[in-house]
């Protein structure tokens, strides 16, 4: 399964791990994905993504960074709820 987490980040899974990938563009303009990390749990993957966003963010104030991290968290939560609902397993409240 592959789930798009952000505009350029994806997660794929197998029986043993979660793989965080990032979509990039080659010099020729072709899109391809590179592996950013392998994680044993989804929570670790989310923490890894947030850590990468913090390290790569050019934000120079804490309020803007906090807002960006909140947006990432909300996006991931929304996407996961959509996946769960499509499977008919949703026990969450809206």
PDB file of N, CA and C in Angstrom:
ATOM      1  N   UNK A   1       0.843  -1.168   0.000  1.00  0.00           N
ATOM      2  CA  UNK A   1       0.000   0.000   0.000  1.00  0.00           C
ATOM      3  C   UNK A   1       0.894   1.240   0.000  1.00  0.00           C
ATOM      4  N   UNK A   2       0.454   2.281  -0.697  1.00  0.00           N
ATOM      5  CA  UNK A   2       1.172   3.552  -0.711  1.00  0.00           C
ATOM      6  C   UNK A   2       0.195   4.661  -0.363  1.00  0.00           C
ATOM      7  N   UNK A   3       0.590   5.516   0.594  1.00  0.00           N
ATOM      8  CA  UNK A   3      -0.245   6.620   1.040  1.00  0.00           C
ATOM      9  C   UNK A   3       0.565   7.906   0.892  1.00  0.00           C
ATOM     10  N   UNK A   4      -0.040   8.923   0.291  1.00  0.00           N
ATOM     11  CA  UNK A   4       0.605  10.223   0.176  1.00  0.00           C
ATOM     12  C   UNK A   4       0.381  10.981   1.476  1.00  0.00           C
ATOM     13  N   UNK A   5       1.472  11.393   2.128  1.00  0.00           N
ATOM     14  CA  UNK A   5       1.373  12.095   3.403  1.00  0.00           C
ATOM     15  C   UNK A   5       1.397  13.609   3.246  1.00  0.00           C
ATOM     16  N   UNK A   6       2.276  14.090   2.398  1.00  0.00           N
ATOM     17  CA  UNK A   6       2.389  15.527   2.137  1.00  0.00           C
ATOM     18  C   UNK A   6       2.507  15.697   0.636  1.00  0.00           C
ATOM     19  N   UNK A   7       2.786  16.904   0.200  1.00  0.00           N
ATOM     20  CA  UNK A   7       2.925  17.145  -1.226  1.00  0.00           C
ATOM     21  C   UNK A   7       4.000  16.319  -1.889  1.00  0.00           C
ATOM     22  N   UNK A   8       5.013  15.893  -1.129  1.00  0.00           N
ATOM     23  CA  UNK A   8       6.102  15.134  -1.717  1.00  0.00           C
ATOM     24  C   UNK A   8       6.482  13.878  -0.935  1.00  0.00           C
ATOM     25  N   UNK A   9       5.839  13.623   0.194  1.00  0.00           N
ATOM     26  CA  UNK A   9       6.186  12.466   1.024  1.00  0.00           C
ATOM     27  C   UNK A   9       5.130  11.370   0.920  1.00  0.00           C
ATOM     28  N   UNK A  10       5.612  10.138   0.862  1.00  0.00           N
ATOM     29  CA  UNK A  10       4.760   8.952   0.753  1.00  0.00           C
ATOM     30  C   UNK A  10       5.203   7.924   1.776  1.00  0.00           C
ATOM     31  N   UNK A  11       4.281   7.072   2.177  1.00  0.00           N
ATOM     32  CA  UNK A  11       4.626   5.939   3.017  1.00  0.00           C
ATOM     33  C   UNK A  11       4.171   4.668   2.299  1.00  0.00           C
ATOM     34  N   UNK A  12       5.043   3.678   2.286  1.00  0.00           N
ATOM     35  CA  UNK A  12       4.686   2.355   1.787  1.00  0.00           C
ATOM     36  C   UNK A  12       4.895   1.379   2.933  1.00  0.00           C
ATOM     37  N   UNK A  13       4.190   0.271   2.870  1.00  0.00           N
ATOM     38  CA  UNK A  13       4.280  -0.706   3.952  1.00  0.00           C
ATOM     39  C   UNK A  13       4.465  -2.107   3.387  1.00  0.00           C
ATOM     40  N   UNK A  14       5.033  -2.943   4.232  1.00  0.00           N
ATOM     41  CA  UNK A  14       5.027  -4.374   3.978  1.00  0.00           C
ATOM     42  C   UNK A  14       4.746  -5.037   5.329  1.00  0.00           C
ATOM     43  N   UNK A  15       4.965  -6.309   5.439  1.00  0.00           N
ATOM     44  CA  UNK A  15       4.635  -7.016   6.685  1.00  0.00           C
ATOM     45  C   UNK A  15       5.532  -6.637   7.857  1.00  0.00           C
ATOM     46  N   UNK A  16       6.660  -5.979   7.590  1.00  0.00           N
ATOM     47  CA  UNK A  16       7.640  -5.758   8.645  1.00  0.00           C
ATOM     48  C   UNK A  16       7.955  -4.300   8.948  1.00  0.00           C
ATOM     49  N   UNK A  17       7.632  -3.391   8.027  1.00  0.00           N
ATOM     50  CA  UNK A  17       8.100  -2.023   8.212  1.00  0.00           C
ATOM     51  C   UNK A  17       7.261  -1.005   7.439  1.00  0.00           C
ATOM     52  N   UNK A  18       7.494   0.247   7.790  1.00  0.00           N
ATOM     53  CA  UNK A  18       6.947   1.389   7.079  1.00  0.00           C
ATOM     54  C   UNK A  18       8.124   2.094   6.425  1.00  0.00           C
ATOM     55  N   UNK A  19       7.967   2.467   5.164  1.00  0.00           N
ATOM     56  CA  UNK A  19       9.051   3.109   4.430  1.00  0.00           C
ATOM     57  C   UNK A  19       8.616   4.517   4.051  1.00  0.00           C
ATOM     58  N   UNK A  20       9.403   5.507   4.481  1.00  0.00           N
ATOM     59  CA  UNK A  20       9.144   6.893   4.135  1.00  0.00           C
ATOM     60  C   UNK A  20       9.913   7.224   2.866  1.00  0.00           C
ATOM     61  N   UNK A  21       9.186   7.717   1.863  1.00  0.00           N
ATOM     62  CA  UNK A  21       9.791   8.058   0.574  1.00  0.00           C
ATOM     63  C   UNK A  21       9.480   9.523   0.249  1.00  0.00           C
ATOM     64  N   UNK A  22      10.375  10.104  -0.544  1.00  0.00           N
ATOM     65  CA  UNK A  22      10.182  11.475  -0.994  1.00  0.00           C
ATOM     66  C   UNK A  22      10.236  11.519  -2.508  1.00  0.00           C
ATOM     67  N   UNK A  23       9.273  12.211  -3.098  1.00  0.00           N
ATOM     68  CA  UNK A  23       9.247  12.346  -4.547  1.00  0.00           C
ATOM     69  C   UNK A  23      10.158  13.500  -4.956  1.00  0.00           C
ATOM     70  N   UNK A  24      11.006  13.226  -5.940  1.00  0.00           N
ATOM     71  CA  UNK A  24      11.930  14.242  -6.453  1.00  0.00           C
ATOM     72  C   UNK A  24      11.849  14.285  -7.967  1.00  0.00           C
ATOM     73  N   UNK A  25      12.425  15.337  -8.523  1.00  0.00           N
ATOM     74  CA  UNK A  25      12.427  15.509  -9.973  1.00  0.00           C
ATOM     75  C   UNK A  25      13.870  15.474 -10.470  1.00  0.00           C
ATOM     76  N   UNK A  26      14.103  14.658 -11.492  1.00  0.00           N
ATOM     77  CA  UNK A  26      15.440  14.573 -12.076  1.00  0.00           C
ATOM     78  C   UNK A  26      15.729  15.813 -12.911  1.00  0.00           C
ATOM     79  N   UNK A  27      16.969  15.943 -13.334  1.00  0.00           N
ATOM     80  CA  UNK A  27      17.340  17.074 -14.184  1.00  0.00           C
ATOM     81  C   UNK A  27      16.553  17.080 -15.486  1.00  0.00           C
ATOM     82  N   UNK A  28      16.136  15.900 -15.941  1.00  0.00           N
ATOM     83  CA  UNK A  28      15.338  15.788 -17.169  1.00  0.00           C
ATOM     84  C   UNK A  28      13.859  16.080 -16.923  1.00  0.00           C
ATOM     85  N   UNK A  29      13.483  16.209 -15.652  1.00  0.00           N
ATOM     86  CA  UNK A  29      12.093  16.496 -15.320  1.00  0.00           C
ATOM     87  C   UNK A  29      11.273  15.271 -14.961  1.00  0.00           C
ATOM     88  N   UNK A  30      11.920  14.091 -14.934  1.00  0.00           N
ATOM     89  CA  UNK A  30      11.219  12.862 -14.563  1.00  0.00           C
ATOM     90  C   UNK A  30      11.074  12.786 -13.044  1.00  0.00           C
ATOM     91  N   UNK A  31       9.903  12.317 -12.582  1.00  0.00           N
ATOM     92  CA  UNK A  31       9.672  12.137 -11.151  1.00  0.00           C
ATOM     93  C   UNK A  31      10.145  10.758 -10.715  1.00  0.00           C
ATOM     94  N   UNK A  32      10.753  10.711  -9.539  1.00  0.00           N
ATOM     95  CA  UNK A  32      11.174   9.444  -8.956  1.00  0.00           C
ATOM     96  C   UNK A  32      11.115   9.577  -7.440  1.00  0.00           C
ATOM     97  N   UNK A  33      11.109   8.463  -6.736  1.00  0.00           N
ATOM     98  CA  UNK A  33      11.024   8.473  -5.274  1.00  0.00           C
ATOM     99  C   UNK A  33      12.294   7.894  -4.676  1.00  0.00           C
ATOM    100  N   UNK A  34      12.769   8.539  -3.607  1.00  0.00           N
ATOM    101  CA  UNK A  34      13.930   8.052  -2.870  1.00  0.00           C
ATOM    102  C   UNK A  34      13.485   7.681  -1.458  1.00  0.00           C
ATOM    103  N   UNK A  35      14.146   6.697  -0.886  1.00  0.00           N
ATOM    104  CA  UNK A  35      13.841   6.258   0.479  1.00  0.00           C
ATOM    105  C   UNK A  35      14.528   7.201   1.456  1.00  0.00           C
ATOM    106  N   UNK A  36      13.742   7.726   2.404  1.00  0.00           N
ATOM    107  CA  UNK A  36      14.286   8.581   3.454  1.00  0.00           C
ATOM    108  C   UNK A  36      14.513   7.816   4.749  1.00  0.00           C
ATOM    109  N   UNK A  37      13.798   6.698   4.918  1.00  0.00           N
ATOM    110  CA  UNK A  37      13.978   5.929   6.146  1.00  0.00           C
ATOM    111  C   UNK A  37      13.046   4.744   6.234  1.00  0.00           C
ATOM    112  N   UNK A  38      13.461   3.801   7.072  1.00  0.00           N
ATOM    113  CA  UNK A  38      12.668   2.605   7.359  1.00  0.00           C
ATOM    114  C   UNK A  38      12.295   2.647   8.841  1.00  0.00           C
ATOM    115  N   UNK A  39      11.022   2.344   9.148  1.00  0.00           N
ATOM    116  CA  UNK A  39      10.527   2.473  10.511  1.00  0.00           C
ATOM    117  C   UNK A  39       9.720   1.242  10.907  1.00  0.00           C
ATOM    118  N   UNK A  40       9.852   0.853  12.165  1.00  0.00           N
ATOM    119  CA  UNK A  40       9.134  -0.306  12.677  1.00  0.00           C
ATOM    120  C   UNK A  40       7.679  -0.027  13.015  1.00  0.00           C
ATOM    121  N   UNK A  41       7.365   1.220  13.336  1.00  0.00           N
ATOM    122  CA  UNK A  41       5.988   1.598  13.653  1.00  0.00           C
ATOM    123  C   UNK A  41       5.619   2.867  12.892  1.00  0.00           C
ATOM    124  N   UNK A  42       4.324   3.076  12.739  1.00  0.00           N
ATOM    125  CA  UNK A  42       3.874   4.280  12.046  1.00  0.00           C
ATOM    126  C   UNK A  42       4.209   5.524  12.856  1.00  0.00           C
ATOM    127  N   UNK A  43       4.115   5.424  14.185  1.00  0.00           N
ATOM    128  CA  UNK A  43       4.445   6.566  15.038  1.00  0.00           C
ATOM    129  C   UNK A  43       5.894   6.996  14.832  1.00  0.00           C
ATOM    130  N   UNK A  44       6.797   6.035  14.723  1.00  0.00           N
ATOM    131  CA  UNK A  44       8.205   6.366  14.480  1.00  0.00           C
ATOM    132  C   UNK A  44       8.380   7.034  13.119  1.00  0.00           C
ATOM    133  N   UNK A  45       7.626   6.582  12.124  1.00  0.00           N
ATOM    134  CA  UNK A  45       7.691   7.202  10.803  1.00  0.00           C
ATOM    135  C   UNK A  45       7.252   8.662  10.872  1.00  0.00           C
ATOM    136  N   UNK A  46       6.150   8.922  11.570  1.00  0.00           N
ATOM    137  CA  UNK A  46       5.659  10.293  11.687  1.00  0.00           C
ATOM    138  C   UNK A  46       6.690  11.151  12.411  1.00  0.00           C
ATOM    139  N   UNK A  47       7.278  10.628  13.480  1.00  0.00           N
ATOM    140  CA  UNK A  47       8.318  11.373  14.187  1.00  0.00           C
ATOM    141  C   UNK A  47       9.508  11.655  13.273  1.00  0.00           C
ATOM    142  N   UNK A  48       9.875  10.667  12.462  1.00  0.00           N
ATOM    143  CA  UNK A  48      10.973  10.847  11.518  1.00  0.00           C
ATOM    144  C   UNK A  48      10.658  11.920  10.491  1.00  0.00           C
ATOM    145  N   UNK A  49       9.438  11.923   9.974  1.00  0.00           N
ATOM    146  CA  UNK A  49       9.026  12.934   9.003  1.00  0.00           C
ATOM    147  C   UNK A  49       9.059  14.326   9.632  1.00  0.00           C
ATOM    148  N   UNK A  50       8.545  14.439  10.830  1.00  0.00           N
ATOM    149  CA  UNK A  50       8.537  15.740  11.519  1.00  0.00           C
ATOM    150  C   UNK A  50       9.966  16.208  11.766  1.00  0.00           C
ATOM    151  N   UNK A  51      10.832  15.308  12.189  1.00  0.00           N
ATOM    152  CA  UNK A  51      12.231  15.671  12.417  1.00  0.00           C
ATOM    153  C   UNK A  51      12.888  16.156  11.128  1.00  0.00           C
ATOM    154  N   UNK A  52      12.626  15.479  10.025  1.00  0.00           N
ATOM    155  CA  UNK A  52      13.185  15.902   8.731  1.00  0.00           C
ATOM    156  C   UNK A  52      12.639  17.271   8.326  1.00  0.00           C
ATOM    157  N   UNK A  53      11.350  17.507   8.574  1.00  0.00           N
ATOM    158  CA  UNK A  53      10.759  18.805   8.250  1.00  0.00           C
ATOM    159  C   UNK A  53      11.401  19.914   9.081  1.00  0.00           C
ATOM    160  N   UNK A  54      11.646  19.645  10.354  1.00  0.00           N
ATOM    161  CA  UNK A  54      12.283  20.648  11.214  1.00  0.00           C
ATOM    162  C   UNK A  54      13.691  20.961  10.714  1.00  0.00           C
ATOM    163  N   UNK A  55      14.442  19.936  10.395  1.00  0.00           N
ATOM    164  CA  UNK A  55      15.829  20.130   9.955  1.00  0.00           C
ATOM    165  C   UNK A  55      15.916  20.834   8.607  1.00  0.00           C
ATOM    166  N   UNK A  56      14.937  20.622   7.737  1.00  0.00           N
ATOM    167  CA  UNK A  56      14.978  21.197   6.393  1.00  0.00           C
ATOM    168  C   UNK A  56      14.191  22.488   6.259  1.00  0.00           C
ATOM    169  N   UNK A  57      13.522  22.912   7.320  1.00  0.00           N
ATOM    170  CA  UNK A  57      12.672  24.092   7.254  1.00  0.00           C
ATOM    171  C   UNK A  57      13.519  25.359   7.404  1.00  0.00           C
ATOM    172  N   UNK A  58      13.210  26.341   6.604  1.00  0.00           N
ATOM    173  CA  UNK A  58      13.950  27.604   6.681  1.00  0.00           C
ATOM    174  C   UNK A  58      13.295  28.586   7.650  1.00  0.00           C
ATOM    175  N   UNK A  59      12.278  28.127   8.365  1.00  0.00           N
ATOM    176  CA  UNK A  59      11.573  28.978   9.318  1.00  0.00           C
ATOM    177  C   UNK A  59      12.537  29.411  10.415  1.00  0.00           C
ATOM    178  N   UNK A  60      12.444  30.674  10.778  1.00  0.00           N
ATOM    179  CA  UNK A  60      13.344  31.160  11.822  1.00  0.00           C
ATOM    180  C   UNK A  60      12.605  31.604  13.078  1.00  0.00           C
ATOM    181  N   UNK A  61      11.330  31.235  13.182  1.00  0.00           N
ATOM    182  CA  UNK A  61      10.634  31.521  14.434  1.00  0.00           C
ATOM    183  C   UNK A  61       9.789  30.319  14.845  1.00  0.00           C
ATOM    184  N   UNK A  62       9.655  30.149  16.127  1.00  0.00           N
ATOM    185  CA  UNK A  62       9.004  28.974  16.703  1.00  0.00           C
ATOM    186  C   UNK A  62       7.522  28.914  16.380  1.00  0.00           C
ATOM    187  N   UNK A  63       6.836  30.022  16.325  1.00  0.00           N
ATOM    188  CA  UNK A  63       5.396  30.027  16.069  1.00  0.00           C
ATOM    189  C   UNK A  63       5.093  29.485  14.671  1.00  0.00           C
ATOM    190  N   UNK A  64       5.844  29.925  13.676  1.00  0.00           N
ATOM    191  CA  UNK A  64       5.637  29.452  12.306  1.00  0.00           C
ATOM    192  C   UNK A  64       5.962  27.972  12.202  1.00  0.00           C
ATOM    193  N   UNK A  65       7.035  27.538  12.858  1.00  0.00           N
ATOM    194  CA  UNK A  65       7.413  26.127  12.837  1.00  0.00           C
ATOM    195  C   UNK A  65       6.332  25.278  13.496  1.00  0.00           C
ATOM    196  N   UNK A  66       5.800  25.735  14.619  1.00  0.00           N
ATOM    197  CA  UNK A  66       4.738  24.998  15.303  1.00  0.00           C
ATOM    198  C   UNK A  66       3.513  24.874  14.409  1.00  0.00           C
ATOM    199  N   UNK A  67       3.172  25.945  13.700  1.00  0.00           N
ATOM    200  CA  UNK A  67       2.027  25.912  12.785  1.00  0.00           C
ATOM    201  C   UNK A  67       2.268  24.893  11.669  1.00  0.00           C
ATOM    202  N   UNK A  68       3.472  24.882  11.103  1.00  0.00           N
ATOM    203  CA  UNK A  68       3.817  23.937  10.024  1.00  0.00           C
ATOM    204  C   UNK A  68       3.711  22.498  10.525  1.00  0.00           C
ATOM    205  N   UNK A  69       4.213  22.223  11.719  1.00  0.00           N
ATOM    206  CA  UNK A  69       4.148  20.869  12.266  1.00  0.00           C
ATOM    207  C   UNK A  69       2.707  20.459  12.547  1.00  0.00           C
ATOM    208  N   UNK A  70       1.883  21.395  12.989  1.00  0.00           N
ATOM    209  CA  UNK A  70       0.469  21.112  13.219  1.00  0.00           C
ATOM    210  C   UNK A  70      -0.230  20.771  11.907  1.00  0.00           C
ATOM    211  N   UNK A  71       0.117  21.492  10.829  1.00  0.00           N
ATOM    212  CA  UNK A  71      -0.463  21.200   9.516  1.00  0.00           C
ATOM    213  C   UNK A  71      -0.090  19.789   9.059  1.00  0.00           C
ATOM    214  N   UNK A  72       1.145  19.397   9.273  1.00  0.00           N
ATOM    215  CA  UNK A  72       1.590  18.045   8.895  1.00  0.00           C
ATOM    216  C   UNK A  72       0.795  17.008   9.677  1.00  0.00           C
ATOM    217  N   UNK A  73       0.675  17.205  10.979  1.00  0.00           N
ATOM    218  CA  UNK A  73      -0.060  16.264  11.826  1.00  0.00           C
ATOM    219  C   UNK A  73      -1.517  16.143  11.395  1.00  0.00           C
ATOM    220  N   UNK A  74      -2.171  17.262  11.118  1.00  0.00           N
ATOM    221  CA  UNK A  74      -3.564  17.241  10.694  1.00  0.00           C
ATOM    222  C   UNK A  74      -3.728  16.539   9.351  1.00  0.00           C
ATOM    223  N   UNK A  75      -2.802  16.779   8.442  1.00  0.00           N
ATOM    224  CA  UNK A  75      -2.859  16.145   7.124  1.00  0.00           C
ATOM    225  C   UNK A  75      -2.717  14.629   7.246  1.00  0.00           C
ATOM    226  N   UNK A  76      -1.780  14.181   8.051  1.00  0.00           N
ATOM    227  CA  UNK A  76      -1.569  12.746   8.239  1.00  0.00           C
ATOM    228  C   UNK A  76      -2.792  12.105   8.889  1.00  0.00           C
ATOM    229  N   UNK A  77      -3.341  12.751   9.896  1.00  0.00           N
ATOM    230  CA  UNK A  77      -4.529  12.225  10.569  1.00  0.00           C
ATOM    231  C   UNK A  77      -5.703  12.121   9.604  1.00  0.00           C
ATOM    232  N   UNK A  78      -5.916  13.159   8.795  1.00  0.00           N
ATOM    233  CA  UNK A  78      -7.011  13.149   7.823  1.00  0.00           C
ATOM    234  C   UNK A  78      -6.834  12.017   6.815  1.00  0.00           C
ATOM    235  N   UNK A  79      -5.620  11.863   6.305  1.00  0.00           N
ATOM    236  CA  UNK A  79      -5.368  10.816   5.317  1.00  0.00           C
ATOM    237  C   UNK A  79      -5.561   9.421   5.907  1.00  0.00           C
ATOM    238  N   UNK A  80      -5.101   9.223   7.115  1.00  0.00           N
ATOM    239  CA  UNK A  80      -5.283   7.909   7.756  1.00  0.00           C
ATOM    240  C   UNK A  80      -6.756   7.606   7.988  1.00  0.00           C
ATOM    241  N   UNK A  81      -7.523   8.604   8.392  1.00  0.00           N
ATOM    242  CA  UNK A  81      -8.960   8.392   8.583  1.00  0.00           C
ATOM    243  C   UNK A  81      -9.642   8.036   7.268  1.00  0.00           C
ATOM    244  N   UNK A  82      -9.206   8.656   6.166  1.00  0.00           N
ATOM    245  CA  UNK A  82      -9.763   8.323   4.854  1.00  0.00           C
ATOM    246  C   UNK A  82      -9.469   6.875   4.486  1.00  0.00           C
ATOM    247  N   UNK A  83      -8.248   6.425   4.750  1.00  0.00           N
ATOM    248  CA  UNK A  83      -7.879   5.044   4.447  1.00  0.00           C
ATOM    249  C   UNK A  83      -8.701   4.080   5.282  1.00  0.00           C
ATOM    250  N   UNK A  84      -8.848   4.385   6.564  1.00  0.00           N
ATOM    251  CA  UNK A  84      -9.619   3.516   7.460  1.00  0.00           C
ATOM    252  C   UNK A  84     -11.080   3.464   7.023  1.00  0.00           C
ATOM    253  N   UNK A  85     -11.647   4.607   6.665  1.00  0.00           N
ATOM    254  CA  UNK A  85     -13.044   4.645   6.232  1.00  0.00           C
ATOM    255  C   UNK A  85     -13.251   3.844   4.952  1.00  0.00           C
ATOM    256  N   UNK A  86     -12.308   3.916   4.031  1.00  0.00           N
ATOM    257  CA  UNK A  86     -12.420   3.158   2.777  1.00  0.00           C
ATOM    258  C   UNK A  86     -12.417   1.665   3.057  1.00  0.00           C
ATOM    259  N   UNK A  87     -11.725   1.273   4.095  1.00  0.00           N
ATOM    260  CA  UNK A  87     -11.694  -0.153   4.458  1.00  0.00           C
ATOM    261  C   UNK A  87     -12.917  -0.558   5.268  1.00  0.00           C
ATOM    262  N   UNK A  88     -13.713   0.399   5.660  1.00  0.00           N
ATOM    263  CA  UNK A  88     -14.912   0.094   6.439  1.00  0.00           C
ATOM    264  C   UNK A  88     -14.617  -0.267   7.874  1.00  0.00           C
ATOM    265  N   UNK A  89     -13.478   0.194   8.380  1.00  0.00           N
ATOM    266  CA  UNK A  89     -13.073  -0.158   9.739  1.00  0.00           C
ATOM    267  C   UNK A  89     -13.134   1.012  10.694  1.00  0.00           C
ATOM    268  N   UNK A  90     -13.657   2.143  10.272  1.00  0.00           N
ATOM    269  CA  UNK A  90     -13.571   3.358  11.077  1.00  0.00           C
ATOM    270  C   UNK A  90     -14.454   3.253  12.324  1.00  0.00           C
ATOM    271  N   UNK A  91     -13.828   3.450  13.465  1.00  0.00           N
ATOM    272  CA  UNK A  91     -14.546   3.530  14.726  1.00  0.00           C
ATOM    273  C   UNK A  91     -14.357   4.916  15.329  1.00  0.00           C
ATOM    274  N   UNK A  92     -13.794   5.819  14.510  1.00  0.00           N
ATOM    275  CA  UNK A  92     -13.516   7.167  14.999  1.00  0.00           C
ATOM    276  C   UNK A  92     -14.770   8.007  14.963  1.00  0.00           C
ATOM    277  N   UNK A  93     -14.750   9.082  15.753  1.00  0.00           N
ATOM    278  CA  UNK A  93     -15.874  10.009  15.776  1.00  0.00           C
ATOM    279  C   UNK A  93     -15.466  11.260  15.026  1.00  0.00           C
ATOM    280  N   UNK A  94     -16.414  11.832  14.314  1.00  0.00           N
ATOM    281  CA  UNK A  94     -16.154  13.072  13.571  1.00  0.00           C
ATOM    282  C   UNK A  94     -16.780  14.237  14.275  1.00  0.00           C
TER     283      UNK A  94
END
